[in-house]
């Protein structure tokens, strides 16, 4: 059975419901619920508001006002799986629940989302938690400034030029008030902005009953606006290259800096077939890996990522290496980008990566959390519903060698932004 095949319907309460029935010895008596709220960081008046609000939902809610009460619910009814997460495009809350306690769990999930209790003490405490979280992820102020400059080069006036938009920056955090959180919740956390995903020991009829029970006395409102989709083109970066000396910025000796970084990014319009970019990214990653490891014998760390967003797609390649080989690596990678079609053995590499892409999807770990995450991201980022495994593999089969070469030649090589971070 196709692991990603969901049945989509609308519950009597009006909320879209997506159900994947999985009845195996491992899933018997268990259910994963994901609540998708179409309201994310792109709606922030102050960057970080949506993220701050998601944190506050674990501080207390109707019927469970103390931290001890909340912890008991999270550890018991939600088997320590309850969590929330904010994306630029939306917010999710999820939990793995035993069917035997489903009604109590739905009561608590309902109150957590719709009727949280916000106190000034919990607000101050959570502000401290988020502040520590931000500094952990952002690193030192120099890294923040470098990344901000790079994103502004690439994204210009777009919302994506705001660094770490889902969490904001420390100076944004200081501007957010408790009233801002309440206003965001009241405007966006309601039934018209929600979809519910179920996977596990449940059928469609029962899932709709669960959705109706969850929706009882929930607020209603107007649907929040969604981000416009970039379908035709994405502007070229305002400048193609950014060079940063870490030692100069930090005011330390170059001898203390042991590595250099080459970072390449290119945002793209929303692609009709994302598998073209996925296969191209895997090809570039292998070519760069082979170059640094075998030809230059450099210490390395290579990562590539294809980011799928609601309004656009993006490609990123990062290579960390010894400082003495940065210019050589950059020169060789530019040759790959500029003469990609003529790379030796490229056709064979393309066919191999295409087959590997099919196999990776077929062998995905399709546990309840995995299949609901697949559904969540499809609903959050696309307008075509939840893609099945068969549909994904059909998209892979449609990718041609010419598609990959044209994407590199027409969109990535001419417009990519190159970051050089040196000692």
Foldseek 3Di string as FASTA:
>chain_A
DFLQDWDWDAFPVGAIETEAEDDDPVQVQKKKKKKKFQDALLPDPQQALRVLLQLQLQQFWVPGHHNVSSVCCCCPQQVVAWGKDGDRGTIMTMGMGGNVCLLVNLVSVLGSQFTGDDDPVSSVVSLVVLLVVQCVVQPDPVSVVVLLVLLCQAQPPDPRSQPPRRHHHNVSSVVDDPVSNVVSSVAGRFRVRIHMYMYGNDDPVVSSVSVVSSRPPTDDHDHDDGDAAQAPWGDFGNDFEAEAEPCVVVVHDQVVDFKKKKKKKFKTGQDPQCVLVVLLQVLLQVVLVCCCCPVVVWDWDKDWDWAFAQHTIMIMIMIMTGQVCVVVSVVVSLCCLAVVVPPPPVVVSSVVSLVVVLVCLVPDPSDNVVSVVQQNCCVSRHDPHRDTSVRSNVSSVPDDPVSNVCCSNPGGSVRMHIYIYHD
